[in-house]
N, C-alpha and C. Protein backbone atom coordinates (compact mmCIF):
# COMPACT_ATOMS: atom_id res chain seq x y z
N MET A 1 87.99 12.75 47.12
CA MET A 1 88.17 14.02 46.45
C MET A 1 88.20 15.14 47.48
N SER A 2 89.06 16.09 47.26
CA SER A 2 89.15 17.24 48.15
C SER A 2 88.14 18.30 47.73
N SER A 3 87.46 18.87 48.72
CA SER A 3 86.49 19.93 48.47
C SER A 3 86.46 20.83 49.69
N THR A 4 86.23 22.10 49.48
CA THR A 4 86.14 23.00 50.64
C THR A 4 84.76 23.00 51.25
N PHE A 5 83.78 22.39 50.60
CA PHE A 5 82.41 22.39 51.12
C PHE A 5 81.82 20.99 51.11
N THR A 6 81.65 20.41 49.92
CA THR A 6 81.08 19.07 49.78
C THR A 6 81.37 18.54 48.38
N ALA A 7 81.37 17.23 48.28
CA ALA A 7 81.49 16.59 46.97
C ALA A 7 80.12 16.15 46.47
N GLY A 8 79.05 16.60 47.13
CA GLY A 8 77.70 16.13 46.82
C GLY A 8 77.30 16.23 45.36
N MET A 9 77.34 17.42 44.81
CA MET A 9 76.93 17.58 43.41
C MET A 9 77.90 16.90 42.45
N ALA A 10 79.19 16.94 42.77
CA ALA A 10 80.17 16.25 41.93
C ALA A 10 79.90 14.75 41.92
N TYR A 11 79.50 14.20 43.06
CA TYR A 11 79.17 12.78 43.16
C TYR A 11 77.93 12.44 42.33
N LYS A 12 76.87 13.23 42.49
CA LYS A 12 75.65 12.97 41.71
C LYS A 12 75.95 13.05 40.21
N LYS A 13 76.70 14.07 39.80
CA LYS A 13 77.04 14.25 38.39
C LYS A 13 77.90 13.08 37.89
N ALA A 14 78.87 12.65 38.67
CA ALA A 14 79.74 11.54 38.26
C ALA A 14 78.95 10.25 38.11
N LEU A 15 77.99 10.00 39.02
CA LEU A 15 77.17 8.81 38.92
C LEU A 15 76.28 8.86 37.68
N TYR A 16 75.66 10.00 37.45
CA TYR A 16 74.84 10.19 36.24
C TYR A 16 75.68 9.97 34.97
N GLU A 17 76.85 10.58 34.90
CA GLU A 17 77.69 10.45 33.71
C GLU A 17 78.16 9.02 33.51
N LYS A 18 78.48 8.31 34.60
CA LYS A 18 78.93 6.92 34.49
C LYS A 18 77.80 6.03 33.98
N ILE A 19 76.59 6.22 34.49
CA ILE A 19 75.45 5.42 34.02
C ILE A 19 75.21 5.71 32.54
N SER A 20 75.24 6.97 32.14
CA SER A 20 75.06 7.34 30.73
C SER A 20 76.10 6.67 29.85
N GLU A 21 77.33 6.71 30.29
CA GLU A 21 78.45 6.12 29.53
C GLU A 21 78.30 4.61 29.40
N LEU A 22 78.01 3.94 30.50
CA LEU A 22 77.86 2.48 30.47
C LEU A 22 76.71 2.05 29.59
N PHE A 23 75.57 2.73 29.68
CA PHE A 23 74.41 2.33 28.89
C PHE A 23 74.59 2.66 27.41
N ALA A 24 75.28 3.74 27.09
CA ALA A 24 75.52 4.09 25.69
C ALA A 24 76.46 3.09 25.01
N ALA A 25 77.27 2.40 25.79
CA ALA A 25 78.28 1.49 25.24
C ALA A 25 77.73 0.12 24.85
N GLU A 26 76.53 -0.21 25.30
CA GLU A 26 75.97 -1.54 25.04
C GLU A 26 74.69 -1.45 24.21
N ALA A 27 74.57 -2.31 23.22
CA ALA A 27 73.38 -2.31 22.36
C ALA A 27 72.09 -2.56 23.15
N SER A 28 72.16 -3.40 24.19
CA SER A 28 70.96 -3.74 24.95
C SER A 28 70.46 -2.62 25.86
N THR A 29 71.28 -1.57 26.03
CA THR A 29 70.88 -0.47 26.92
C THR A 29 70.95 0.90 26.24
N GLN A 30 71.27 0.95 24.97
CA GLN A 30 71.41 2.24 24.27
C GLN A 30 70.13 3.05 24.24
N ASP A 31 68.98 2.40 24.28
CA ASP A 31 67.71 3.11 24.19
C ASP A 31 67.14 3.52 25.55
N VAL A 32 67.84 3.21 26.62
CA VAL A 32 67.40 3.59 27.95
C VAL A 32 67.67 5.09 28.12
N LEU A 33 66.64 5.82 28.53
CA LEU A 33 66.82 7.25 28.80
C LEU A 33 67.44 7.40 30.18
N VAL A 34 68.60 8.05 30.24
CA VAL A 34 69.26 8.33 31.51
C VAL A 34 69.17 9.83 31.72
N CYS A 35 68.62 10.25 32.86
CA CYS A 35 68.44 11.68 33.10
C CYS A 35 68.85 12.03 34.53
N PRO A 36 69.30 13.28 34.73
CA PRO A 36 69.76 13.71 36.05
C PRO A 36 68.63 14.26 36.92
N GLY A 37 67.47 13.70 36.81
CA GLY A 37 66.28 14.15 37.53
C GLY A 37 65.07 13.60 36.81
N ALA A 38 63.97 14.34 36.84
CA ALA A 38 62.75 13.91 36.16
C ALA A 38 62.96 13.87 34.65
N PRO A 39 62.35 12.89 33.97
CA PRO A 39 62.60 12.73 32.54
C PRO A 39 61.96 13.76 31.63
N GLY A 40 61.05 14.55 32.08
CA GLY A 40 60.40 15.53 31.21
C GLY A 40 59.28 14.91 30.43
N SER A 41 58.95 15.50 29.28
CA SER A 41 57.79 15.04 28.52
C SER A 41 58.09 13.81 27.67
N PHE A 42 59.35 13.56 27.32
CA PHE A 42 59.71 12.36 26.57
C PHE A 42 59.89 11.22 27.56
N GLU A 43 59.02 10.22 27.46
CA GLU A 43 59.06 9.12 28.41
C GLU A 43 59.05 7.78 27.68
N PRO A 44 60.24 7.27 27.35
CA PRO A 44 60.30 5.95 26.72
C PRO A 44 59.97 4.86 27.75
N ASP A 45 60.00 3.62 27.32
CA ASP A 45 59.62 2.51 28.20
C ASP A 45 60.65 2.19 29.28
N GLU A 46 61.90 2.64 29.09
CA GLU A 46 62.94 2.39 30.09
C GLU A 46 63.63 3.70 30.42
N ILE A 47 63.56 4.05 31.70
CA ILE A 47 64.12 5.32 32.16
C ILE A 47 64.95 5.05 33.42
N VAL A 48 66.11 5.67 33.48
CA VAL A 48 66.92 5.66 34.69
C VAL A 48 67.09 7.12 35.09
N ALA A 49 66.56 7.47 36.25
CA ALA A 49 66.61 8.85 36.72
C ALA A 49 67.49 8.93 37.97
N VAL A 50 68.52 9.75 37.90
CA VAL A 50 69.40 9.98 39.04
C VAL A 50 68.78 11.15 39.80
N THR A 51 68.23 10.87 40.98
CA THR A 51 67.37 11.84 41.63
C THR A 51 67.94 12.36 42.95
N ARG A 52 67.33 12.03 44.04
CA ARG A 52 67.58 12.63 45.35
C ARG A 52 69.03 12.50 45.80
N LEU A 53 69.57 13.62 46.26
CA LEU A 53 70.92 13.68 46.84
C LEU A 53 70.77 14.06 48.31
N GLU A 54 71.44 13.33 49.18
CA GLU A 54 71.47 13.68 50.60
C GLU A 54 72.93 13.74 51.04
N ILE A 55 73.26 14.77 51.80
CA ILE A 55 74.61 14.98 52.30
C ILE A 55 74.57 15.03 53.82
N GLN A 56 75.35 14.19 54.45
CA GLN A 56 75.51 14.20 55.90
C GLN A 56 76.99 14.42 56.20
N GLN A 57 77.29 15.35 57.08
CA GLN A 57 78.69 15.59 57.45
C GLN A 57 78.86 15.43 58.95
N ASP A 58 80.07 14.99 59.32
CA ASP A 58 80.41 14.83 60.72
C ASP A 58 81.85 15.27 60.92
N PHE A 59 82.23 15.49 62.15
CA PHE A 59 83.58 15.90 62.47
C PHE A 59 84.57 14.82 62.05
N ALA A 60 85.71 15.23 61.57
CA ALA A 60 86.81 14.31 61.30
C ALA A 60 87.93 14.70 62.25
N THR A 61 89.03 15.17 61.74
CA THR A 61 90.12 15.62 62.60
C THR A 61 89.88 17.07 63.00
N MET A 62 90.40 17.44 64.14
CA MET A 62 90.20 18.81 64.61
C MET A 62 91.46 19.65 64.41
N GLY A 63 92.10 19.48 63.28
CA GLY A 63 93.26 20.29 62.95
C GLY A 63 92.84 21.67 62.50
N THR A 64 93.79 22.41 61.96
CA THR A 64 93.51 23.78 61.55
C THR A 64 92.55 23.89 60.37
N ASN A 65 92.47 22.85 59.55
CA ASN A 65 91.57 22.94 58.39
C ASN A 65 90.16 22.44 58.68
N ARG A 66 89.90 21.94 59.89
CA ARG A 66 88.56 21.51 60.30
C ARG A 66 87.92 20.55 59.28
N SER A 67 88.64 19.50 58.93
CA SER A 67 88.12 18.55 57.94
C SER A 67 86.89 17.84 58.49
N ARG A 68 86.08 17.36 57.57
CA ARG A 68 84.85 16.67 57.89
C ARG A 68 84.75 15.39 57.07
N GLU A 69 84.09 14.41 57.66
CA GLU A 69 83.74 13.19 56.95
C GLU A 69 82.32 13.37 56.44
N GLU A 70 82.10 13.04 55.19
CA GLU A 70 80.73 13.14 54.69
C GLU A 70 80.27 11.83 54.09
N THR A 71 78.98 11.60 54.29
CA THR A 71 78.29 10.47 53.69
C THR A 71 77.31 11.05 52.69
N LEU A 72 77.44 10.60 51.45
CA LEU A 72 76.61 11.11 50.36
C LEU A 72 75.73 9.98 49.85
N THR A 73 74.44 10.23 49.72
CA THR A 73 73.56 9.23 49.13
C THR A 73 72.83 9.83 47.94
N VAL A 74 72.73 9.04 46.89
CA VAL A 74 71.99 9.42 45.69
C VAL A 74 71.03 8.28 45.36
N ASP A 75 69.78 8.64 45.11
CA ASP A 75 68.80 7.65 44.67
C ASP A 75 68.78 7.61 43.14
N VAL A 76 68.73 6.39 42.63
CA VAL A 76 68.62 6.18 41.19
C VAL A 76 67.36 5.34 40.97
N VAL A 77 66.41 5.88 40.18
CA VAL A 77 65.14 5.21 39.95
C VAL A 77 65.17 4.54 38.58
N PHE A 78 64.95 3.23 38.59
CA PHE A 78 64.91 2.43 37.36
C PHE A 78 63.44 2.15 37.06
N SER A 79 62.93 2.72 35.97
CA SER A 79 61.53 2.54 35.58
C SER A 79 61.47 1.76 34.28
N CYS A 80 60.79 0.64 34.31
CA CYS A 80 60.66 -0.20 33.11
C CYS A 80 59.19 -0.52 32.89
N LEU A 81 58.73 -0.37 31.66
CA LEU A 81 57.34 -0.60 31.29
C LEU A 81 57.31 -1.55 30.10
N PHE A 82 56.53 -2.62 30.23
CA PHE A 82 56.35 -3.58 29.14
C PHE A 82 54.88 -3.57 28.76
N GLY A 83 54.58 -3.44 27.46
CA GLY A 83 53.20 -3.51 27.01
C GLY A 83 52.63 -4.89 27.27
N GLY A 84 51.35 -4.95 27.62
CA GLY A 84 50.71 -6.25 27.82
C GLY A 84 49.97 -6.32 29.13
N ASP A 85 49.62 -7.55 29.49
CA ASP A 85 48.82 -7.77 30.69
C ASP A 85 49.70 -8.20 31.86
N GLY A 86 49.09 -8.83 32.84
CA GLY A 86 49.78 -9.24 34.06
C GLY A 86 50.96 -10.16 33.84
N THR A 87 51.02 -10.82 32.69
CA THR A 87 52.15 -11.71 32.42
C THR A 87 53.46 -10.92 32.24
N GLN A 88 53.35 -9.61 32.05
CA GLN A 88 54.53 -8.77 31.86
C GLN A 88 55.05 -8.15 33.17
N GLU A 89 54.36 -8.45 34.26
CA GLU A 89 54.75 -7.90 35.56
C GLU A 89 56.17 -8.33 35.95
N LEU A 90 56.44 -9.61 35.94
CA LEU A 90 57.77 -10.09 36.32
C LEU A 90 58.85 -9.70 35.32
N PRO A 91 58.61 -9.80 34.00
CA PRO A 91 59.65 -9.36 33.07
C PRO A 91 60.05 -7.89 33.25
N SER A 92 59.10 -7.02 33.57
CA SER A 92 59.45 -5.61 33.77
C SER A 92 60.32 -5.47 35.02
N GLN A 93 60.00 -6.21 36.07
CA GLN A 93 60.79 -6.16 37.29
C GLN A 93 62.20 -6.72 37.06
N GLU A 94 62.27 -7.82 36.33
CA GLU A 94 63.58 -8.42 36.04
C GLU A 94 64.45 -7.48 35.23
N ARG A 95 63.86 -6.76 34.29
CA ARG A 95 64.63 -5.81 33.48
C ARG A 95 65.17 -4.67 34.35
N ALA A 96 64.35 -4.15 35.24
CA ALA A 96 64.81 -3.07 36.13
C ALA A 96 66.00 -3.55 36.97
N PHE A 97 65.93 -4.76 37.49
CA PHE A 97 67.04 -5.29 38.28
C PHE A 97 68.26 -5.60 37.42
N GLU A 98 68.04 -5.96 36.17
CA GLU A 98 69.17 -6.16 35.25
C GLU A 98 69.92 -4.84 35.04
N LEU A 99 69.18 -3.76 34.81
CA LEU A 99 69.81 -2.45 34.62
C LEU A 99 70.54 -2.01 35.89
N LEU A 100 69.91 -2.22 37.03
CA LEU A 100 70.55 -1.89 38.31
C LEU A 100 71.84 -2.68 38.48
N GLY A 101 71.82 -3.94 38.13
CA GLY A 101 73.01 -4.80 38.28
C GLY A 101 74.21 -4.31 37.49
N ILE A 102 73.96 -3.71 36.35
CA ILE A 102 75.08 -3.17 35.54
C ILE A 102 75.80 -2.07 36.32
N ILE A 103 75.05 -1.19 36.94
CA ILE A 103 75.64 -0.08 37.69
C ILE A 103 76.28 -0.60 38.98
N GLU A 104 75.57 -1.46 39.69
CA GLU A 104 76.09 -1.99 40.96
C GLU A 104 77.44 -2.66 40.76
N ARG A 105 77.54 -3.49 39.75
CA ARG A 105 78.80 -4.21 39.51
C ARG A 105 79.92 -3.23 39.17
N HIS A 106 79.60 -2.25 38.38
CA HIS A 106 80.64 -1.29 37.97
C HIS A 106 81.20 -0.52 39.16
N VAL A 107 80.32 0.02 40.02
CA VAL A 107 80.84 0.82 41.14
C VAL A 107 81.46 -0.05 42.22
N ARG A 108 81.08 -1.31 42.30
CA ARG A 108 81.66 -2.20 43.32
C ARG A 108 82.97 -2.81 42.86
N MET A 109 83.09 -3.12 41.57
CA MET A 109 84.24 -3.90 41.09
C MET A 109 85.23 -3.12 40.22
N GLU A 110 84.76 -2.10 39.50
CA GLU A 110 85.61 -1.48 38.50
C GLU A 110 85.99 -0.03 38.78
N ASP A 111 85.10 0.73 39.39
CA ASP A 111 85.37 2.15 39.60
C ASP A 111 84.73 2.60 40.91
N THR A 112 85.29 2.16 42.01
CA THR A 112 84.69 2.41 43.32
C THR A 112 84.74 3.88 43.73
N THR A 113 85.59 4.68 43.07
CA THR A 113 85.72 6.10 43.42
C THR A 113 85.03 7.02 42.44
N LEU A 114 84.40 6.46 41.41
CA LEU A 114 83.78 7.25 40.33
C LEU A 114 84.78 8.28 39.81
N ASN A 115 85.86 7.76 39.27
CA ASN A 115 86.94 8.58 38.70
C ASN A 115 87.55 9.54 39.71
N GLY A 116 87.66 9.11 40.96
CA GLY A 116 88.29 9.92 41.99
C GLY A 116 87.39 10.98 42.61
N THR A 117 86.11 10.93 42.32
CA THR A 117 85.17 11.93 42.86
C THR A 117 84.95 11.74 44.36
N VAL A 118 84.89 10.48 44.81
CA VAL A 118 84.69 10.15 46.22
C VAL A 118 85.69 9.07 46.63
N ARG A 119 85.77 8.81 47.93
CA ARG A 119 86.70 7.78 48.42
C ARG A 119 86.22 6.39 48.02
N HIS A 120 84.93 6.12 48.16
CA HIS A 120 84.34 4.87 47.68
C HIS A 120 82.82 5.01 47.59
N CYS A 121 82.23 4.14 46.77
CA CYS A 121 80.79 4.19 46.50
C CYS A 121 80.27 2.76 46.41
N LEU A 122 79.12 2.52 47.02
CA LEU A 122 78.49 1.20 46.96
C LEU A 122 76.97 1.33 46.91
N LEU A 123 76.33 0.31 46.37
CA LEU A 123 74.87 0.19 46.48
C LEU A 123 74.55 -0.19 47.92
N THR A 124 73.69 0.58 48.58
CA THR A 124 73.38 0.30 49.98
C THR A 124 71.91 0.02 50.24
N GLY A 125 71.06 0.15 49.24
CA GLY A 125 69.65 -0.15 49.46
C GLY A 125 68.88 -0.21 48.16
N VAL A 126 67.82 -1.00 48.17
CA VAL A 126 66.92 -1.12 47.01
C VAL A 126 65.50 -1.16 47.56
N GLN A 127 64.62 -0.41 46.89
CA GLN A 127 63.23 -0.37 47.32
C GLN A 127 62.32 -0.41 46.09
N THR A 128 61.28 -1.22 46.15
CA THR A 128 60.27 -1.27 45.09
C THR A 128 58.95 -1.76 45.68
N ASP A 129 57.87 -1.29 45.12
CA ASP A 129 56.57 -1.81 45.51
C ASP A 129 56.34 -3.19 44.92
N GLY A 130 57.10 -3.52 43.87
CA GLY A 130 56.99 -4.84 43.27
C GLY A 130 55.73 -5.06 42.46
N GLN A 131 55.09 -3.96 42.07
CA GLN A 131 53.89 -4.08 41.25
C GLN A 131 53.75 -2.83 40.38
N THR A 132 52.92 -2.93 39.39
CA THR A 132 52.71 -1.83 38.46
C THR A 132 52.00 -0.66 39.13
N PRO A 133 52.59 0.53 39.06
CA PRO A 133 51.89 1.71 39.59
C PRO A 133 50.61 1.98 38.78
N ASP A 134 49.60 2.52 39.41
CA ASP A 134 48.31 2.77 38.76
C ASP A 134 48.45 3.56 37.46
N GLU A 135 49.35 4.54 37.43
CA GLU A 135 49.48 5.39 36.24
C GLU A 135 50.08 4.65 35.04
N TYR A 136 50.64 3.45 35.23
CA TYR A 136 51.20 2.66 34.13
C TYR A 136 50.20 1.67 33.54
N LEU A 137 49.14 1.33 34.27
CA LEU A 137 48.28 0.20 33.93
C LEU A 137 47.69 0.25 32.52
N GLN A 138 47.30 1.43 32.03
CA GLN A 138 46.71 1.50 30.69
C GLN A 138 47.73 1.17 29.61
N ALA A 139 49.01 1.41 29.87
CA ALA A 139 50.05 1.17 28.88
C ALA A 139 50.66 -0.23 28.98
N GLY A 140 50.40 -0.94 30.06
CA GLY A 140 50.98 -2.27 30.23
C GLY A 140 51.34 -2.53 31.68
N ARG A 141 52.46 -3.22 31.88
CA ARG A 141 52.92 -3.52 33.23
C ARG A 141 54.33 -2.98 33.39
N GLY A 142 54.59 -2.44 34.56
CA GLY A 142 55.89 -1.85 34.80
C GLY A 142 56.22 -1.77 36.26
N VAL A 143 57.40 -1.26 36.52
CA VAL A 143 57.87 -1.18 37.89
C VAL A 143 58.82 0.01 38.04
N ASP A 144 58.87 0.53 39.24
CA ASP A 144 59.88 1.52 39.61
C ASP A 144 60.71 0.90 40.72
N VAL A 145 62.01 0.86 40.52
CA VAL A 145 62.93 0.34 41.52
C VAL A 145 63.85 1.49 41.91
N THR A 146 63.89 1.83 43.18
CA THR A 146 64.76 2.90 43.66
C THR A 146 65.97 2.29 44.35
N ALA A 147 67.14 2.59 43.81
CA ALA A 147 68.40 2.11 44.39
C ALA A 147 69.12 3.28 45.04
N THR A 148 69.65 3.04 46.21
CA THR A 148 70.41 4.08 46.91
C THR A 148 71.89 3.72 46.85
N PHE A 149 72.67 4.64 46.30
CA PHE A 149 74.11 4.49 46.25
C PHE A 149 74.71 5.44 47.27
N THR A 150 75.57 4.91 48.12
CA THR A 150 76.17 5.69 49.20
C THR A 150 77.67 5.80 48.97
N ALA A 151 78.17 7.02 49.18
CA ALA A 151 79.60 7.28 49.03
C ALA A 151 80.13 7.93 50.30
N ARG A 152 81.42 7.77 50.50
CA ARG A 152 82.11 8.43 51.61
C ARG A 152 83.16 9.37 51.01
N ASN A 153 83.35 10.48 51.69
CA ASN A 153 84.30 11.49 51.21
C ASN A 153 84.86 12.26 52.40
N ARG A 154 86.07 12.76 52.28
CA ARG A 154 86.68 13.64 53.28
C ARG A 154 86.71 15.05 52.72
N VAL A 155 86.14 15.98 53.45
CA VAL A 155 86.14 17.40 53.07
C VAL A 155 87.26 18.07 53.83
N ARG A 156 88.13 18.74 53.11
CA ARG A 156 89.24 19.46 53.72
C ARG A 156 89.17 20.93 53.31
N GLY A 157 89.61 21.78 54.18
CA GLY A 157 89.72 23.19 53.81
C GLY A 157 88.62 24.06 54.36
């Protein structure tokens, strides 16, 4: 996508909108709350939060328009909580990775440019503590999985 400054916010918005669209289309994911940041006071058992945006730019061609290559990263946090005891630890983790897999497959196989917003986008990292955070323990077992999606873009102008 062409931009005179950055495609950063357009990229974050496109990723958020694509996740919302994909999850709304399937019965198994319709109840997942998808939000473009913190979820607020309504906190269902499954939340996908499109959070941190990082923009890195570097020199591209040194023509008159001083184009730049940019690397854009957005973190998407998949939070899943299952009521119950320690036996729900693995099911909550598996569900978070199932939700992540839906997005990963889509951006890798079906819409690598997020409707032309960036040149290409891929999942480049996943991080989780792999255990229930202390603040979830009274409600059951859960996990937070943070996935980093990285895009490349050329800024012209």
